[in-house]
């Protein structure tokens, strides 16, 4: 099992990993324990490749070189969300 498959959010955390919305049980902005393989945000502009939301300065988030890694994580997050129904993650 990959590390991301066994990832469990902290007790009481209502943070939606896909949308970045919801109540956190801590004071961190992003989840500090989130495995890299579940991170679907562009490291440069924070465009969300799972939902397709954001305002990327490049104008072409689907081909942007900064998005290569986060685009590869979308399927991981979809699989993780399906296995963890308390998460509200749904593709946009």
N, C-alpha and C. Protein backbone atom coordinates (compact mmCIF):
# COMPACT_ATOMS: atom_id res chain seq x y z
N UNK A 1 0.85 -1.17 0.00
CA UNK A 1 0.00 0.00 0.00
C UNK A 1 0.90 1.23 0.00
N UNK A 2 0.59 2.17 -0.88
CA UNK A 2 1.32 3.43 -0.92
C UNK A 2 0.98 4.25 0.32
N UNK A 3 1.90 5.10 0.72
CA UNK A 3 1.70 5.93 1.92
C UNK A 3 0.43 6.76 1.83
N UNK A 4 0.12 7.29 0.65
CA UNK A 4 -1.05 8.14 0.51
C UNK A 4 -2.35 7.35 0.68
N UNK A 5 -2.33 6.07 0.33
CA UNK A 5 -3.55 5.25 0.46
C UNK A 5 -3.96 5.06 1.92
N UNK A 6 -3.00 5.07 2.82
CA UNK A 6 -3.29 4.89 4.22
C UNK A 6 -3.42 6.19 5.00
N UNK A 7 -3.35 7.31 4.30
CA UNK A 7 -3.45 8.62 4.95
C UNK A 7 -4.82 8.80 5.60
N UNK A 8 -4.83 9.29 6.82
CA UNK A 8 -6.06 9.57 7.55
C UNK A 8 -5.97 10.99 8.10
N UNK A 9 -7.02 11.76 7.87
CA UNK A 9 -7.03 13.12 8.40
C UNK A 9 -7.14 13.08 9.92
N UNK A 10 -6.71 14.16 10.55
CA UNK A 10 -6.75 14.26 12.01
C UNK A 10 -8.20 14.19 12.50
N UNK A 11 -8.41 13.66 13.70
CA UNK A 11 -9.76 13.63 14.27
C UNK A 11 -10.34 15.04 14.35
N UNK A 12 -11.58 15.17 13.95
CA UNK A 12 -12.27 16.45 14.01
C UNK A 12 -11.98 17.38 12.84
N UNK A 13 -11.15 16.95 11.92
CA UNK A 13 -10.81 17.80 10.77
C UNK A 13 -11.90 17.69 9.71
N UNK A 14 -12.45 18.82 9.33
CA UNK A 14 -13.46 18.87 8.29
C UNK A 14 -12.93 19.51 7.02
N UNK A 15 -11.61 19.60 6.91
CA UNK A 15 -10.96 20.20 5.76
C UNK A 15 -11.11 19.30 4.55
N UNK A 16 -11.63 19.83 3.46
CA UNK A 16 -11.79 19.08 2.22
C UNK A 16 -10.48 19.19 1.44
N UNK A 17 -9.78 18.10 1.31
CA UNK A 17 -8.47 18.11 0.66
C UNK A 17 -8.54 18.55 -0.79
N UNK A 18 -9.63 18.30 -1.45
CA UNK A 18 -9.76 18.64 -2.86
C UNK A 18 -10.05 20.11 -3.08
N UNK A 19 -10.92 20.68 -2.29
CA UNK A 19 -11.34 22.07 -2.52
C UNK A 19 -10.61 23.07 -1.65
N UNK A 20 -10.00 22.61 -0.57
CA UNK A 20 -9.34 23.53 0.35
C UNK A 20 -10.33 24.27 1.24
N UNK A 21 -11.55 23.78 1.31
CA UNK A 21 -12.60 24.41 2.12
C UNK A 21 -12.90 23.54 3.32
N UNK A 22 -13.61 24.12 4.27
CA UNK A 22 -14.04 23.37 5.44
C UNK A 22 -13.29 23.76 6.69
N UNK A 23 -13.81 23.32 7.80
CA UNK A 23 -13.23 23.64 9.10
C UNK A 23 -12.08 22.70 9.43
N UNK A 24 -10.97 23.29 9.78
CA UNK A 24 -9.80 22.50 10.18
C UNK A 24 -9.82 22.32 11.69
N UNK A 25 -9.19 21.26 12.15
CA UNK A 25 -9.09 21.06 13.61
C UNK A 25 -7.76 21.60 14.12
N UNK A 26 -7.03 22.31 13.25
CA UNK A 26 -5.74 22.90 13.65
C UNK A 26 -5.67 24.32 13.08
N UNK A 27 -4.54 24.97 13.28
CA UNK A 27 -4.39 26.34 12.79
C UNK A 27 -3.55 26.42 11.51
N UNK A 28 -3.27 25.30 10.89
CA UNK A 28 -2.48 25.29 9.66
C UNK A 28 -3.35 25.68 8.47
N UNK A 29 -2.76 26.32 7.48
CA UNK A 29 -3.50 26.65 6.25
C UNK A 29 -3.74 25.40 5.44
N UNK A 30 -2.67 24.78 4.97
CA UNK A 30 -2.75 23.50 4.28
C UNK A 30 -2.44 22.41 5.29
N UNK A 31 -2.90 21.22 5.03
CA UNK A 31 -2.64 20.10 5.93
C UNK A 31 -1.14 19.81 5.95
N UNK A 32 -0.50 19.89 7.11
CA UNK A 32 0.94 19.65 7.17
C UNK A 32 1.30 18.17 7.01
N UNK A 33 0.34 17.29 7.12
CA UNK A 33 0.60 15.85 7.03
C UNK A 33 0.22 15.26 5.68
N UNK A 34 -0.30 16.08 4.79
CA UNK A 34 -0.77 15.60 3.49
C UNK A 34 0.37 15.00 2.69
N UNK A 35 0.24 13.74 2.29
CA UNK A 35 1.28 13.14 1.44
C UNK A 35 1.36 13.88 0.10
N UNK A 36 2.53 14.03 -0.41
CA UNK A 36 2.75 14.71 -1.69
C UNK A 36 1.87 14.12 -2.79
N UNK A 37 1.66 12.83 -2.76
CA UNK A 37 0.89 12.16 -3.81
C UNK A 37 -0.59 12.54 -3.83
N UNK A 38 -1.06 13.29 -2.82
CA UNK A 38 -2.45 13.75 -2.78
C UNK A 38 -2.57 15.25 -3.02
N UNK A 39 -1.46 15.93 -3.19
CA UNK A 39 -1.46 17.38 -3.38
C UNK A 39 -1.76 17.70 -4.84
N UNK A 40 -2.91 18.32 -5.10
CA UNK A 40 -3.36 18.61 -6.46
C UNK A 40 -3.27 20.10 -6.80
N UNK A 41 -2.53 20.86 -6.01
CA UNK A 41 -2.41 22.30 -6.23
C UNK A 41 -1.08 22.64 -6.89
N UNK A 42 -1.11 23.56 -7.85
CA UNK A 42 0.10 24.03 -8.51
C UNK A 42 1.00 24.69 -7.45
N UNK A 43 2.27 24.31 -7.39
CA UNK A 43 3.15 24.91 -6.39
C UNK A 43 3.48 26.36 -6.69
N UNK A 44 3.23 26.80 -7.91
CA UNK A 44 3.55 28.16 -8.30
C UNK A 44 2.38 29.12 -8.05
N UNK A 45 1.18 28.76 -8.50
CA UNK A 45 0.03 29.68 -8.41
C UNK A 45 -1.13 29.15 -7.59
N UNK A 46 -1.06 27.91 -7.11
CA UNK A 46 -2.10 27.27 -6.30
C UNK A 46 -3.36 26.93 -7.10
N UNK A 47 -3.27 26.81 -8.43
CA UNK A 47 -4.39 26.34 -9.23
C UNK A 47 -4.74 24.93 -8.78
N UNK A 48 -6.02 24.64 -8.63
CA UNK A 48 -6.48 23.33 -8.16
C UNK A 48 -6.78 22.45 -9.38
N UNK A 49 -5.94 21.45 -9.61
CA UNK A 49 -6.11 20.57 -10.76
C UNK A 49 -7.23 19.55 -10.55
N UNK A 50 -7.70 19.38 -9.35
CA UNK A 50 -8.81 18.47 -9.08
C UNK A 50 -10.13 19.11 -9.48
N UNK A 51 -10.31 20.37 -9.06
CA UNK A 51 -11.57 21.06 -9.35
C UNK A 51 -11.50 21.93 -10.59
N UNK A 52 -10.28 22.25 -11.04
CA UNK A 52 -10.13 23.16 -12.18
C UNK A 52 -10.35 24.60 -11.81
N UNK A 53 -10.25 24.92 -10.51
CA UNK A 53 -10.49 26.28 -10.04
C UNK A 53 -9.18 27.00 -9.76
N UNK A 54 -9.18 28.27 -10.04
CA UNK A 54 -8.02 29.10 -9.78
C UNK A 54 -7.84 30.09 -10.91
N UNK A 55 -6.86 30.94 -10.76
CA UNK A 55 -6.59 31.96 -11.75
C UNK A 55 -5.11 31.91 -12.10
N UNK A 56 -4.70 30.92 -12.89
CA UNK A 56 -3.29 30.75 -13.19
C UNK A 56 -2.75 31.87 -14.09
N UNK A 57 -1.62 32.44 -13.75
CA UNK A 57 -1.05 33.49 -14.59
C UNK A 57 -0.57 32.98 -15.94
N UNK A 58 -0.33 31.68 -16.05
CA UNK A 58 0.18 31.13 -17.31
C UNK A 58 -0.91 31.06 -18.38
N UNK A 59 -2.18 31.01 -17.96
CA UNK A 59 -3.29 30.94 -18.90
C UNK A 59 -3.52 29.56 -19.50
N UNK A 60 -2.64 28.61 -19.21
CA UNK A 60 -2.78 27.26 -19.75
C UNK A 60 -2.42 26.23 -18.69
N UNK A 61 -3.24 26.09 -17.65
CA UNK A 61 -2.88 25.19 -16.55
C UNK A 61 -2.73 23.73 -16.96
N UNK A 62 -3.40 23.31 -18.02
CA UNK A 62 -3.32 21.90 -18.43
C UNK A 62 -2.01 21.57 -19.12
N UNK A 63 -1.26 22.57 -19.53
CA UNK A 63 0.04 22.31 -20.15
C UNK A 63 1.19 22.98 -19.41
N UNK A 64 0.91 23.69 -18.37
CA UNK A 64 1.94 24.40 -17.60
C UNK A 64 2.94 23.40 -17.01
N UNK A 65 4.24 23.67 -17.16
CA UNK A 65 5.23 22.74 -16.62
C UNK A 65 5.21 22.64 -15.10
N UNK A 66 4.71 23.68 -14.41
CA UNK A 66 4.61 23.62 -12.95
C UNK A 66 3.54 22.63 -12.49
N UNK A 67 2.61 22.29 -13.38
CA UNK A 67 1.50 21.43 -13.02
C UNK A 67 1.70 19.95 -13.32
N UNK A 68 2.86 19.58 -13.82
CA UNK A 68 3.08 18.18 -14.18
C UNK A 68 2.85 17.26 -12.99
N UNK A 69 3.47 17.55 -11.87
CA UNK A 69 3.33 16.69 -10.70
C UNK A 69 1.93 16.74 -10.10
N UNK A 70 1.34 17.93 -9.83
CA UNK A 70 -0.01 17.92 -9.26
C UNK A 70 -1.06 17.29 -10.18
N UNK A 71 -0.90 17.42 -11.50
CA UNK A 71 -1.85 16.76 -12.41
C UNK A 71 -1.77 15.25 -12.25
N UNK A 72 -0.59 14.74 -11.98
CA UNK A 72 -0.44 13.29 -11.80
C UNK A 72 -1.04 12.80 -10.48
N UNK A 73 -1.36 13.70 -9.59
CA UNK A 73 -1.92 13.33 -8.28
C UNK A 73 -3.44 13.31 -8.26
N UNK A 74 -4.08 13.81 -9.30
CA UNK A 74 -5.55 13.89 -9.33
C UNK A 74 -6.18 12.51 -9.16
N UNK A 75 -5.69 11.51 -9.88
CA UNK A 75 -6.26 10.16 -9.75
C UNK A 75 -6.04 9.60 -8.35
N UNK A 76 -4.92 9.92 -7.73
CA UNK A 76 -4.68 9.46 -6.36
C UNK A 76 -5.73 10.04 -5.42
N UNK A 77 -6.00 11.34 -5.56
CA UNK A 77 -6.98 11.98 -4.67
C UNK A 77 -8.38 11.43 -4.93
N UNK A 78 -8.71 11.16 -6.18
CA UNK A 78 -10.02 10.56 -6.49
C UNK A 78 -10.15 9.20 -5.80
N UNK A 79 -9.12 8.38 -5.89
CA UNK A 79 -9.14 7.06 -5.26
C UNK A 79 -9.20 7.18 -3.75
N UNK A 80 -8.43 8.10 -3.20
CA UNK A 80 -8.40 8.29 -1.74
C UNK A 80 -9.78 8.75 -1.25
N UNK A 81 -10.38 9.71 -1.96
CA UNK A 81 -11.69 10.23 -1.56
C UNK A 81 -12.76 9.14 -1.62
N UNK A 82 -12.69 8.26 -2.60
CA UNK A 82 -13.66 7.17 -2.71
C UNK A 82 -13.52 6.19 -1.55
N UNK A 83 -12.31 6.03 -1.06
CA UNK A 83 -12.08 5.11 0.06
C UNK A 83 -12.34 5.76 1.42
N UNK A 84 -12.51 7.07 1.45
CA UNK A 84 -12.74 7.82 2.69
C UNK A 84 -13.99 8.68 2.52
N UNK A 85 -15.18 8.10 2.64
CA UNK A 85 -16.43 8.79 2.32
C UNK A 85 -16.71 10.03 3.16
N UNK A 86 -16.06 10.19 4.30
CA UNK A 86 -16.33 11.40 5.09
C UNK A 86 -15.81 12.62 4.38
N UNK A 87 -14.86 12.41 3.45
CA UNK A 87 -14.32 13.51 2.66
C UNK A 87 -15.33 13.85 1.59
N UNK A 88 -15.56 15.12 1.34
CA UNK A 88 -16.56 15.56 0.37
C UNK A 88 -15.99 15.67 -1.03
N UNK A 89 -14.76 15.26 -1.25
CA UNK A 89 -14.08 15.48 -2.52
C UNK A 89 -14.82 14.87 -3.70
N UNK A 90 -15.13 15.70 -4.67
CA UNK A 90 -15.71 15.24 -5.93
C UNK A 90 -15.06 16.05 -7.04
N UNK A 91 -14.77 15.41 -8.15
CA UNK A 91 -14.13 16.17 -9.23
C UNK A 91 -15.04 17.23 -9.80
N UNK A 92 -14.43 18.35 -10.21
CA UNK A 92 -15.21 19.47 -10.73
C UNK A 92 -15.41 19.43 -12.19
